[in-house]
Amino acid sequence: MAETTAPQGPDLSQGVLLADVPETGVLAGRVGDQSVLVSRVDGKLHAVSGSCTHYGGPLAEGLAVGRTVRCPWHHACFDLATGEALAAPAFSRLDRWKVETSGDRLFVREKLTDTPRKPSLPWRWNRPDKIVIVGGGAAGFAAAERLRRLGYEGRLTMFSADADAPYDRPNLSKDYLAGTAPEEWIPLRDDAFYRDNAVDLRLGAEVVELSPGKRRLKDAKGEHHAYDALLLATGAEPVRLPLPGFDAPNVFTLRSLADSRAIIAAAAPGARVAVIGASFIGLEVAASLRARGLEVHVVAPDEVPMQKVLGREVGEFVRTLHEAEGVVFHLGRGVEAFAGGILKLTGGEQLAADFVVLGVGVRPRVKLAEQAGLKVENGVLVDEAFRTSAAGVWAAGDIASYPEPVSGGRARVEHWVAAERQGQVAAASMLGLDAPAAGPPFFWSHHYGLEIRYVGYAPGWDAAEVEGSLAAHDALIRYRKDGRVLAVATLGRDRASLAQAAAWEGCAVPA
């Protein structure tokens, strides 16, 4: 995507003092209208683009740790010397620039155009010849992309039950639903990527049976397919309410690109929508549909939106954001039926609605894993490399119950970046390579221009400490359990979020 922030700092093409380049960290500058970062790595000077290849975030405002720089917006991580995208959600490398020195000055010249050398995998007698990925979401795509980038040259097949090639799911409830993200933002890669990287992407292809002992699977057409290594990344499906009228065509869930398009088609200006659920998805849908000029009502049994995750104080603050934009809340209420454009709430209240959007949670798609005899307990049980209980089978994403490093227990999280990073770890593991751990879970939520970023894992906590000012959009919230910080949420303190994530990963974080 194009850079979205104006470049800052000195014109590096005109030269700067070598002494201005720190021994650790980066010097941010520009060449023309493009941001550039200069750093010292292993005693050498390097220059890379300063705009994240994910959404164009300003890397100069991020965090440099060792030879890496992390994006302040969505925690993508890059190598400062090679520009390599090390961790999702970015997959494309940063451009590199030519650096020259003269006397006590440094000059950044033109972009380097040399093609990075394709990696060569070390020989292993048991490396898989055929890898199959079941699932075309975050974890599945990230695994396929990482396999090829690591130099895997075997047969690679991806079965996806979705009709669309892997796409940017977080955008479906945010900018895309609001009408501010163009169509070209949505695919994670174009068709040429799958062709050029020999990824046999099979869309609308459901896998119905898995036989780990035979290393074979069967698709919905009855065809059998052999594999040497397999990644289960079947994701989750939205919960529907088993109540009268909630199977009507004007009752929507939001999980797929087709779902988002269907809601957009129903969102005529001036229409009235009822959003069931005050979750992150529910409130992002509310914000996006308000941006389209709809009358929006949110119905939820909670007393405070998102209280279970963010706490009462932050939840009340988020509620005020939405109410200031015209969203009407009906909290402490359940729903009983929907018919004739009337939504019946518990307690006898009735609410007129042209259509309904359900945001009442998702369930992991573990049926295939259960049928195959894998160990399943609140998700498919995996180890730190995302290996399941069956030889030759890995699992990642929304279905994976994995050892979570921050809490020290097991976790199954439904976060986009976490799923991508799990897929990347699983890809390396399938090839017998060591890989960094997936790291602490991270997600972000968008509300009327305000970004809430959350890193860590705190399914239960006994204190939510607010530092700073929520009203000023400048706050850090620590979630503690028995005195330990298990998660951090931030508003306007992106670098603090990065620093906490890096600290949990064991990095030496600069002051």
Protein backbone atom coordinates (compact mmCIF):
# COMPACT_ATOMS: atom_id res chain seq x y z
CA MET A 1 0.00 0.00 0.00
CA ALA A 2 1.08 3.56 -0.51
CA GLU A 3 2.78 5.49 2.25
CA THR A 4 0.19 7.27 4.33
CA THR A 5 2.35 9.61 6.41
CA ALA A 6 4.59 12.43 5.21
CA PRO A 7 8.32 11.67 5.52
CA GLN A 8 10.16 13.44 8.33
CA GLY A 9 13.76 14.26 9.11
CA PRO A 10 16.79 15.40 7.12
CA ASP A 11 17.24 14.97 3.37
CA LEU A 12 19.62 12.01 3.41
CA SER A 13 20.50 12.46 -0.26
CA GLN A 14 22.18 15.74 0.74
CA GLY A 15 24.18 14.01 3.45
CA VAL A 16 24.25 13.91 7.22
CA LEU A 17 27.05 13.52 9.74
CA LEU A 18 28.07 9.93 10.39
CA ALA A 19 27.97 10.83 14.06
CA ASP A 20 24.22 11.43 13.72
CA VAL A 21 23.62 7.72 13.08
CA PRO A 22 23.18 6.08 16.51
CA GLU A 23 25.08 2.95 17.48
CA THR A 24 21.71 1.35 18.26
CA GLY A 25 18.37 2.39 16.86
CA VAL A 26 17.76 4.32 13.66
CA LEU A 27 18.18 7.73 12.09
CA ALA A 28 14.94 8.68 10.32
CA GLY A 29 15.12 10.85 7.22
CA ARG A 30 13.92 11.10 3.68
CA VAL A 31 14.98 10.87 0.08
CA GLY A 32 12.65 13.00 -1.98
CA ASP A 33 9.15 12.19 -0.77
CA GLN A 34 10.03 8.76 0.64
CA SER A 35 10.87 7.90 4.24
CA VAL A 36 14.18 6.16 4.86
CA LEU A 37 15.77 4.68 8.00
CA VAL A 38 19.54 4.48 8.43
CA SER A 39 21.03 2.11 10.99
CA ARG A 40 24.22 0.34 11.98
CA VAL A 41 23.99 -3.45 11.85
CA ASP A 42 27.03 -5.62 12.54
CA GLY A 43 29.29 -2.63 12.09
CA LYS A 44 27.91 -1.68 8.66
CA LEU A 45 25.59 1.11 7.57
CA HIS A 46 22.24 0.19 6.04
CA ALA A 47 19.26 2.13 4.72
CA VAL A 48 15.73 0.77 4.28
CA SER A 49 12.36 2.30 3.56
CA GLY A 50 10.66 3.84 6.57
CA SER A 51 7.10 2.93 5.61
CA CYS A 52 5.65 -0.43 6.69
CA THR A 53 4.66 -2.64 3.77
CA HIS A 54 1.46 -3.68 5.54
CA TYR A 55 -0.56 -0.46 5.85
CA GLY A 56 2.18 2.14 5.41
CA GLY A 57 2.77 2.78 9.10
CA PRO A 58 5.66 5.15 10.00
CA LEU A 59 8.45 2.86 11.19
CA ALA A 60 10.37 5.81 12.63
CA GLU A 61 7.63 6.02 15.26
CA GLY A 62 7.99 2.33 16.02
CA LEU A 63 10.61 0.47 18.01
CA ALA A 64 14.12 -0.55 16.95
CA VAL A 65 15.36 -3.60 18.86
CA GLY A 66 18.69 -5.11 17.90
CA ARG A 67 18.74 -5.45 14.12
CA THR A 68 14.96 -5.16 13.81
CA VAL A 69 12.37 -2.41 13.60
CA ARG A 70 8.72 -2.89 14.54
CA CYS A 71 5.73 -1.01 13.13
CA PRO A 72 3.75 1.08 15.64
CA TRP A 73 0.42 0.35 13.99
CA HIS A 74 0.14 -3.43 13.81
CA HIS A 75 3.46 -4.78 15.14
CA ALA A 76 4.97 -6.01 11.86
CA CYS A 77 8.71 -6.63 12.24
CA PHE A 78 11.52 -6.10 9.70
CA ASP A 79 15.27 -6.72 9.46
CA LEU A 80 17.10 -3.38 9.27
CA ALA A 81 19.89 -4.78 7.12
CA THR A 82 18.01 -6.88 4.58
CA GLY A 83 14.56 -5.29 4.77
CA GLU A 84 13.11 -8.78 5.20
CA ALA A 85 9.62 -8.98 6.70
CA LEU A 86 10.27 -11.16 9.73
CA ALA A 87 6.84 -11.28 11.34
CA ALA A 88 3.27 -10.74 10.18
CA PRO A 89 1.13 -8.86 9.37
CA ALA A 90 3.66 -7.61 6.79
CA PHE A 91 4.84 -10.08 4.16
CA SER A 92 6.65 -7.84 1.66
CA ARG A 93 10.20 -6.71 2.42
CA LEU A 94 11.25 -3.09 2.77
CA ASP A 95 13.12 -1.48 -0.11
CA ARG A 96 16.84 -1.07 0.48
CA TRP A 97 18.84 2.01 -0.44
CA LYS A 98 22.47 2.52 -1.42
CA VAL A 99 24.60 4.12 1.31
CA GLU A 100 27.88 5.96 0.61
CA THR A 101 30.25 7.78 2.92
CA SER A 102 32.61 10.65 2.26
CA GLY A 103 34.77 11.90 5.06
CA ASP A 104 32.59 12.38 8.09
CA ARG A 105 29.33 12.39 6.14
CA LEU A 106 26.84 9.78 4.96
CA PHE A 107 24.73 9.95 1.81
CA VAL A 108 21.75 7.81 0.82
CA ARG A 109 21.59 7.42 -2.94
CA GLU A 110 19.23 5.38 -5.11
CA LYS A 111 17.18 2.32 -4.27
CA LEU A 112 18.97 -0.98 -4.68
CA THR A 113 17.45 -3.13 -7.39
CA ASP A 114 19.31 -6.40 -6.80
CA THR A 115 16.99 -9.34 -6.27
CA PRO A 116 17.47 -11.07 -2.91
CA ARG A 117 19.05 -14.47 -3.29
CA LYS A 118 16.57 -17.29 -2.91
CA PRO A 119 17.30 -19.22 0.28
CA SER A 120 18.54 -22.77 0.06
CA LEU A 121 17.21 -25.18 2.65
CA PRO A 122 19.74 -27.40 4.41
CA TRP A 123 19.39 -31.04 3.36
CA ARG A 124 17.15 -33.26 5.46
CA TRP A 125 16.33 -36.81 4.53
CA ASN A 126 12.77 -36.61 5.85
CA ARG A 127 11.73 -33.18 4.53
CA PRO A 128 8.15 -33.41 3.15
CA ASP A 129 7.72 -33.61 -0.62
CA LYS A 130 4.00 -32.80 -0.43
CA ILE A 131 2.58 -30.25 2.00
CA VAL A 132 -1.17 -29.63 2.26
CA ILE A 133 -2.79 -26.70 4.03
CA VAL A 134 -6.46 -26.97 4.96
CA GLY A 135 -7.83 -23.45 5.31
CA GLY A 136 -7.40 -20.25 3.33
CA GLY A 137 -7.43 -17.70 6.15
CA ALA A 138 -4.70 -15.92 8.07
CA ALA A 139 -2.78 -18.94 9.33
CA GLY A 140 -3.06 -20.91 6.09
CA PHE A 141 -1.92 -18.07 3.85
CA ALA A 142 0.93 -17.07 6.16
CA ALA A 143 2.17 -20.66 6.25
CA ALA A 144 2.12 -21.00 2.46
CA GLU A 145 3.90 -17.68 1.97
CA ARG A 146 6.56 -18.51 4.57
CA LEU A 147 7.17 -22.00 3.14
CA ARG A 148 8.05 -20.57 -0.25
CA ARG A 149 10.06 -17.71 1.23
CA LEU A 150 12.10 -20.21 3.25
CA GLY A 151 12.99 -21.98 0.01
CA TYR A 152 10.62 -24.95 0.09
CA GLU A 153 10.31 -26.32 -3.45
CA GLY A 154 8.02 -29.29 -2.92
CA ARG A 155 4.38 -29.58 -3.90
CA LEU A 156 2.19 -27.15 -1.96
CA THR A 157 -1.61 -27.36 -2.01
CA MET A 158 -4.10 -25.18 -0.14
CA PHE A 159 -7.73 -26.22 0.26
CA SER A 160 -10.04 -23.34 1.13
CA ALA A 161 -13.78 -23.66 1.65
CA ASP A 162 -14.05 -19.92 0.88
CA ALA A 163 -15.00 -18.78 -2.60
CA ASP A 164 -12.42 -15.96 -2.48
CA ALA A 165 -8.63 -16.14 -2.37
CA PRO A 166 -7.10 -15.24 1.02
CA TYR A 167 -8.04 -11.70 2.00
CA ASP A 168 -7.56 -9.10 4.73
CA ARG A 169 -10.28 -10.15 7.16
CA PRO A 170 -9.80 -7.35 9.76
CA ASN A 171 -10.76 -4.82 7.10
CA LEU A 172 -14.15 -6.45 6.59
CA SER A 173 -15.58 -4.85 9.74
CA LYS A 174 -13.47 -1.69 9.53
CA ASP A 175 -12.63 0.48 6.49
CA TYR A 176 -14.04 -1.88 3.85
CA LEU A 177 -17.43 -2.04 5.54
CA ALA A 178 -17.34 1.72 6.10
CA GLY A 179 -16.69 2.27 2.39
CA THR A 180 -13.25 3.86 2.79
CA ALA A 181 -11.06 0.93 1.71
CA PRO A 182 -10.82 0.17 -2.02
CA GLU A 183 -11.25 -3.36 -3.34
CA GLU A 184 -7.55 -3.67 -4.16
CA TRP A 185 -6.70 -3.54 -0.44
CA ILE A 186 -8.62 -6.70 0.33
CA PRO A 187 -6.70 -9.62 -1.29
CA LEU A 188 -3.55 -10.56 0.62
CA ARG A 189 -1.92 -11.34 -2.72
CA ASP A 190 -3.03 -11.23 -6.34
CA ASP A 191 -3.54 -14.30 -8.53
CA ALA A 192 0.01 -14.03 -9.87
CA PHE A 193 1.42 -14.77 -6.42
CA TYR A 194 -0.12 -18.25 -6.33
CA ARG A 195 0.91 -18.96 -9.92
CA ASP A 196 4.47 -17.67 -9.58
CA ASN A 197 5.00 -19.47 -6.27
CA ALA A 198 3.40 -22.74 -7.39
CA VAL A 199 0.75 -22.68 -4.68
CA ASP A 200 -2.11 -24.90 -5.83
CA LEU A 201 -4.95 -22.84 -4.34
CA ARG A 202 -8.28 -24.67 -4.49
CA LEU A 203 -11.22 -22.42 -3.66
CA GLY A 204 -14.64 -23.66 -2.62
CA ALA A 205 -12.91 -26.92 -1.73
CA GLU A 206 -13.96 -28.42 1.58
CA VAL A 207 -12.03 -31.23 3.23
CA VAL A 208 -14.41 -33.70 4.88
CA GLU A 209 -12.15 -36.47 6.13
CA LEU A 210 -8.61 -36.71 7.46
CA SER A 211 -6.68 -39.96 8.00
CA PRO A 212 -3.40 -39.13 9.78
CA GLY A 213 -2.29 -42.77 9.88
CA LYS A 214 -2.46 -42.98 6.08
CA ARG A 215 -1.43 -39.34 5.60
CA ARG A 216 -4.40 -38.85 3.35
CA LEU A 217 -7.46 -36.61 3.20
CA LYS A 218 -10.74 -36.62 1.30
CA ASP A 219 -12.48 -33.60 -0.15
CA ALA A 220 -16.21 -32.99 -0.57
CA LYS A 221 -16.05 -34.37 -4.12
CA GLY A 222 -14.91 -37.72 -2.75
CA GLU A 223 -11.36 -37.36 -4.09
CA HIS A 224 -8.44 -38.50 -1.96
CA HIS A 225 -5.18 -36.56 -1.61
CA ALA A 226 -1.93 -37.73 -0.07
CA TYR A 227 0.38 -35.53 1.96
CA ASP A 228 3.66 -35.77 3.84
CA ALA A 229 2.92 -32.85 6.17
CA LEU A 230 -0.40 -31.12 6.77
CA LEU A 231 -1.45 -27.88 8.44
CA LEU A 232 -4.98 -27.60 9.81
CA ALA A 233 -6.04 -23.96 9.71
CA THR A 234 -9.79 -24.29 9.46
CA GLY A 235 -10.50 -21.16 11.52
CA ALA A 236 -13.81 -20.41 13.19
CA GLU A 237 -17.41 -19.89 12.21
CA PRO A 238 -19.80 -17.25 13.54
CA VAL A 239 -22.44 -18.25 16.04
CA ARG A 240 -26.04 -17.93 14.90
CA LEU A 241 -28.95 -17.63 17.31
CA PRO A 242 -31.43 -20.56 17.31
CA LEU A 243 -34.37 -18.18 17.73
CA PRO A 244 -37.45 -17.46 15.60
CA GLY A 245 -36.67 -15.34 12.57
CA PHE A 246 -32.89 -15.36 12.86
CA ASP A 247 -32.55 -17.52 9.76
CA ALA A 248 -34.10 -14.74 7.63
CA PRO A 249 -32.12 -13.39 4.63
CA ASN A 250 -31.84 -9.96 6.27
CA VAL A 251 -30.03 -11.40 9.30
CA PHE A 252 -26.28 -11.37 8.70
CA THR A 253 -23.10 -12.59 10.33
CA LEU A 254 -19.70 -11.15 9.46
CA ARG A 255 -16.86 -13.56 8.85
CA SER A 256 -16.20 -13.70 5.12
CA LEU A 257 -15.74 -11.23 2.31
CA ALA A 258 -19.10 -12.39 0.96
CA ASP A 259 -20.67 -11.55 4.35
CA SER A 260 -19.24 -8.03 4.30
CA ARG A 261 -20.46 -7.45 0.74
CA ALA A 262 -23.93 -8.68 1.68
CA ILE A 263 -24.12 -6.22 4.58
CA ILE A 264 -22.93 -3.40 2.33
CA ALA A 265 -25.66 -4.28 -0.17
CA ALA A 266 -28.27 -4.04 2.60
CA ALA A 267 -26.88 -0.80 4.01
CA ALA A 268 -28.95 1.70 2.08
CA PRO A 269 -28.59 5.28 3.38
CA GLY A 270 -31.10 5.93 6.12
CA ALA A 271 -31.70 2.24 6.85
CA ARG A 272 -32.05 1.08 10.42
CA VAL A 273 -29.84 -1.77 11.63
CA ALA A 274 -29.76 -3.69 14.88
CA VAL A 275 -26.36 -5.07 15.85
CA ILE A 276 -26.62 -7.96 18.30
CA GLY A 277 -23.58 -8.07 20.54
CA ALA A 278 -21.32 -5.35 21.96
CA SER A 279 -18.11 -7.19 21.10
CA PHE A 280 -15.21 -5.82 19.07
CA ILE A 281 -16.80 -7.05 15.84
CA GLY A 282 -20.22 -5.74 16.85
CA LEU A 283 -18.97 -2.27 17.71
CA GLU A 284 -16.71 -2.04 14.65
CA VAL A 285 -19.74 -2.91 12.53
CA ALA A 286 -21.71 -0.22 14.37
CA ALA A 287 -19.02 2.39 13.68
CA SER A 288 -18.70 1.41 10.02
CA LEU A 289 -22.44 1.52 9.39
CA ARG A 290 -22.73 4.89 11.13
CA ALA A 291 -20.09 6.10 8.66
CA ARG A 292 -22.52 5.06 5.91
CA GLY A 293 -25.30 7.13 7.49
CA LEU A 294 -27.37 4.29 8.93
CA GLU A 295 -29.37 4.44 12.15
CA VAL A 296 -27.58 1.96 14.40
CA HIS A 297 -28.86 0.23 17.53
CA VAL A 298 -26.68 -2.14 19.57
CA VAL A 299 -28.37 -4.81 21.68
CA ALA A 300 -26.37 -6.86 24.20
CA PRO A 301 -26.84 -8.61 27.54
CA ASP A 302 -23.75 -6.86 28.94
CA GLU A 303 -24.05 -3.89 31.24
CA VAL A 304 -20.92 -2.34 29.70
CA PRO A 305 -19.56 -2.98 26.19
CA MET A 306 -16.38 -5.11 26.08
CA GLN A 307 -16.11 -5.09 29.88
CA LYS A 308 -14.88 -8.70 30.04
CA VAL A 309 -11.86 -7.91 27.89
CA LEU A 310 -11.09 -4.25 28.53
CA GLY A 311 -12.65 -3.56 31.92
CA ARG A 312 -15.50 -1.34 33.01
CA GLU A 313 -13.70 2.02 32.73
CA VAL A 314 -12.46 1.43 29.19
CA GLY A 315 -15.76 -0.14 28.17
CA GLU A 316 -17.71 2.90 29.38
CA PHE A 317 -15.31 5.14 27.48
CA VAL A 318 -15.85 3.17 24.26
CA ARG A 319 -19.60 3.43 24.79
CA THR A 320 -19.37 7.24 24.99
CA LEU A 321 -17.42 7.29 21.72
CA HIS A 322 -20.24 5.46 19.98
CA GLU A 323 -23.03 7.42 21.61
CA ALA A 324 -21.36 10.67 20.54
CA GLU A 325 -21.62 9.38 16.96
CA GLY A 326 -25.31 8.55 17.31
CA VAL A 327 -25.27 4.84 18.17
CA VAL A 328 -28.14 3.84 20.49
CA PHE A 329 -27.40 1.11 23.06
CA HIS A 330 -29.89 -1.36 24.52
CA LEU A 331 -27.75 -3.02 27.16
CA GLY A 332 -28.72 -5.66 29.68
CA ARG A 333 -31.14 -7.03 27.08
CA GLY A 334 -31.36 -10.27 25.18
CA VAL A 335 -33.31 -10.96 22.00
CA GLU A 336 -36.25 -13.31 21.52
CA ALA A 337 -37.33 -13.12 17.89
CA PHE A 338 -37.14 -11.16 14.64
CA ALA A 339 -40.11 -10.96 12.29
CA GLY A 340 -41.66 -8.39 9.99
CA GLY A 341 -38.88 -5.91 10.60
CA ILE A 342 -39.46 -5.99 14.37
CA LEU A 343 -36.81 -7.25 16.80
CA LYS A 344 -38.29 -8.46 20.07
CA LEU A 345 -36.07 -7.91 23.09
CA THR A 346 -36.31 -9.51 26.51
CA GLY A 347 -38.43 -7.46 28.85
CA GLY A 348 -41.03 -6.73 26.19
CA GLU A 349 -39.25 -3.96 24.25
CA GLN A 350 -39.58 -3.96 20.47
CA LEU A 351 -37.15 -2.42 18.02
CA ALA A 352 -37.76 -1.72 14.32
CA ALA A 353 -34.88 -2.83 12.08
CA ASP A 354 -34.44 -3.17 8.32
CA PHE A 355 -31.76 -5.77 8.93
CA VAL A 356 -29.78 -7.38 11.76
CA VAL A 357 -26.07 -8.13 12.14
CA LEU A 358 -25.06 -10.81 14.63
CA GLY A 359 -21.82 -10.35 16.54
CA VAL A 360 -22.26 -12.91 19.28
CA GLY A 361 -19.02 -14.83 18.93
CA VAL A 362 -17.49 -17.62 16.89
CA ARG A 363 -16.80 -21.33 17.35
CA PRO A 364 -13.57 -23.04 16.27
CA ARG A 365 -14.00 -25.44 13.36
CA VAL A 366 -12.61 -28.56 15.02
CA LYS A 367 -14.93 -31.19 13.50
CA LEU A 368 -12.25 -32.41 11.08
CA ALA A 369 -9.68 -32.64 13.86
CA GLU A 370 -12.07 -34.55 16.10
CA GLN A 371 -12.96 -36.96 13.29
CA ALA A 372 -9.25 -37.60 12.74
CA GLY A 373 -8.72 -38.47 16.40
CA LEU A 374 -6.55 -35.48 17.29
CA LYS A 375 -6.49 -34.35 20.89
CA VAL A 376 -9.04 -31.55 21.23
CA GLU A 377 -9.73 -29.51 24.35
CA ASN A 378 -11.02 -25.99 23.74
CA GLY A 379 -9.29 -26.28 20.39
CA VAL A 380 -6.75 -28.61 18.86
CA LEU A 381 -3.93 -29.20 21.35
CA VAL A 382 -0.53 -28.24 19.92
CA ASP A 383 2.98 -27.68 21.25
CA GLU A 384 5.09 -24.53 20.90
CA ALA A 385 5.87 -25.46 17.27
CA PHE A 386 2.13 -26.05 16.59
CA ARG A 387 2.51 -29.81 16.16
CA THR A 388 -0.65 -31.75 17.02
CA SER A 389 -0.94 -35.13 18.71
CA ALA A 390 -0.76 -36.83 15.28
CA ALA A 391 2.54 -37.25 13.47
CA GLY A 392 2.79 -35.10 10.37
CA VAL A 393 -0.10 -32.81 11.34
CA TRP A 394 0.19 -29.22 12.55
CA ALA A 395 -2.60 -26.80 13.54
CA ALA A 396 -2.62 -23.01 13.75
CA GLY A 397 -4.97 -20.07 14.03
CA ASP A 398 -8.38 -19.94 15.68
CA ILE A 399 -8.50 -23.71 16.27
CA ALA A 400 -5.12 -24.06 18.01
CA SER A 401 -4.81 -24.39 21.79
CA TYR A 402 -1.13 -23.61 22.35
CA PRO A 403 1.29 -22.91 25.21
CA GLU A 404 0.92 -19.15 25.73
CA PRO A 405 4.15 -17.59 27.04
CA VAL A 406 2.77 -14.56 28.92
CA SER A 407 0.26 -16.34 31.15
CA GLY A 408 2.18 -19.60 31.26
CA GLY A 409 -0.95 -21.58 30.45
CA ARG A 410 -2.76 -22.65 27.32
CA ALA A 411 -4.59 -20.25 25.07
CA ARG A 412 -6.81 -20.30 22.03
CA VAL A 413 -7.05 -16.80 20.62
CA GLU A 414 -9.06 -15.48 17.69
CA HIS A 415 -6.72 -12.69 16.60
CA TRP A 416 -5.61 -12.10 13.01
CA VAL A 417 -1.93 -11.31 13.64
CA ALA A 418 -1.62 -14.19 16.10
CA ALA A 419 -3.00 -16.61 13.50
CA GLU A 420 -0.57 -15.36 10.85
CA ARG A 421 2.41 -15.71 13.15
CA GLN A 422 1.33 -19.18 14.22
CA GLY A 423 1.17 -20.17 10.56
CA GLN A 424 4.70 -18.84 10.06
CA VAL A 425 6.02 -20.84 13.01
CA ALA A 426 4.26 -23.99 11.80
CA ALA A 427 5.76 -23.53 8.30
CA ALA A 428 9.30 -23.49 9.67
CA SER A 429 8.56 -26.46 11.92
CA MET A 430 7.23 -28.52 9.00
CA LEU A 431 10.60 -28.00 7.31
CA GLY A 432 12.55 -28.99 10.42
CA LEU A 433 13.78 -25.45 11.02
CA ASP A 434 14.00 -23.53 14.25
CA ALA A 435 11.79 -20.47 14.35
CA PRO A 436 11.13 -17.73 16.87
CA ALA A 437 8.07 -18.32 19.03
CA ALA A 438 4.80 -16.81 17.85
CA GLY A 439 5.11 -14.20 20.60
CA PRO A 440 2.38 -12.60 22.70
CA PRO A 441 -1.03 -12.23 21.02
CA PHE A 442 -1.79 -8.80 19.56
CA PHE A 443 -4.90 -7.21 18.07
CA TRP A 444 -6.24 -3.77 17.29
CA SER A 445 -9.74 -2.33 17.15
CA HIS A 446 -10.88 0.76 15.25
CA HIS A 447 -13.57 3.18 16.49
CA TYR A 448 -14.14 6.51 14.69
CA GLY A 449 -10.47 7.19 14.07
CA LEU A 450 -9.37 5.87 17.47
CA GLU A 451 -7.21 2.75 17.55
CA ILE A 452 -7.17 0.52 20.61
CA ARG A 453 -4.16 -1.81 20.60
CA TYR A 454 -3.97 -4.81 22.90
CA VAL A 455 -1.02 -7.11 23.48
CA GLY A 456 -0.79 -10.08 25.82
CA TYR A 457 -3.29 -12.61 27.13
CA ALA A 458 -5.46 -11.99 30.18
CA PRO A 459 -8.53 -14.24 30.14
CA GLY A 460 -8.98 -13.42 33.80
CA TRP A 461 -7.60 -10.46 35.73
CA ASP A 462 -8.20 -8.82 39.07
CA ALA A 463 -7.01 -5.26 38.34
CA ALA A 464 -7.15 -2.96 35.31
CA GLU A 465 -4.87 0.01 35.97
CA VAL A 466 -5.36 3.07 33.76
CA GLU A 467 -2.34 5.32 33.32
CA GLY A 468 -2.93 8.58 31.47
CA SER A 469 -6.21 9.89 30.08
CA LEU A 470 -8.79 7.91 28.13
CA ALA A 471 -10.62 11.13 27.23
CA ALA A 472 -7.42 12.57 25.73
CA HIS A 473 -6.81 9.31 23.81
CA ASP A 474 -3.49 8.97 25.65
CA ALA A 475 -3.57 6.00 27.97
CA LEU A 476 -2.01 2.68 28.88
CA ILE A 477 -4.06 0.07 30.70
CA ARG A 478 -2.32 -2.79 32.51
CA TYR A 479 -4.28 -5.96 33.24
CA ARG A 480 -2.90 -7.75 36.29
CA LYS A 481 -3.53 -11.13 37.84
CA ASP A 482 -1.96 -11.75 41.26
CA GLY A 483 0.28 -8.77 40.67
CA ARG A 484 1.58 -9.91 37.27
CA VAL A 485 0.89 -7.89 34.11
CA LEU A 486 -0.72 -10.28 31.62
CA ALA A 487 -1.87 -7.79 28.99
CA VAL A 488 -1.61 -4.13 28.04
CA ALA A 489 -4.05 -1.99 26.07
CA THR A 490 -3.05 1.39 24.70
CA LEU A 491 -4.63 4.50 23.22
CA GLY A 492 -2.14 6.79 21.52
CA ARG A 493 0.84 5.01 23.07
CA ASP A 494 1.90 2.73 20.26
CA ARG A 495 5.56 2.55 21.22
CA ALA A 496 4.64 1.43 24.74
CA SER A 497 2.64 -1.43 23.23
CA LEU A 498 5.64 -2.46 21.12
CA ALA A 499 7.99 -2.23 24.08
CA GLN A 500 5.79 -4.47 26.21
CA ALA A 501 5.56 -7.08 23.44
CA ALA A 502 9.34 -7.02 22.93
CA ALA A 503 9.97 -7.35 26.65
CA TRP A 504 7.75 -10.42 26.83
CA GLU A 505 9.77 -11.87 23.95
CA GLY A 506 12.92 -11.48 26.03
CA CYS A 507 14.38 -8.59 24.04
CA ALA A 508 16.53 -5.87 25.57
CA VAL A 509 14.21 -2.91 25.05
CA PRO A 510 15.86 0.52 24.76
CA ALA A 511 14.73 3.14 27.22
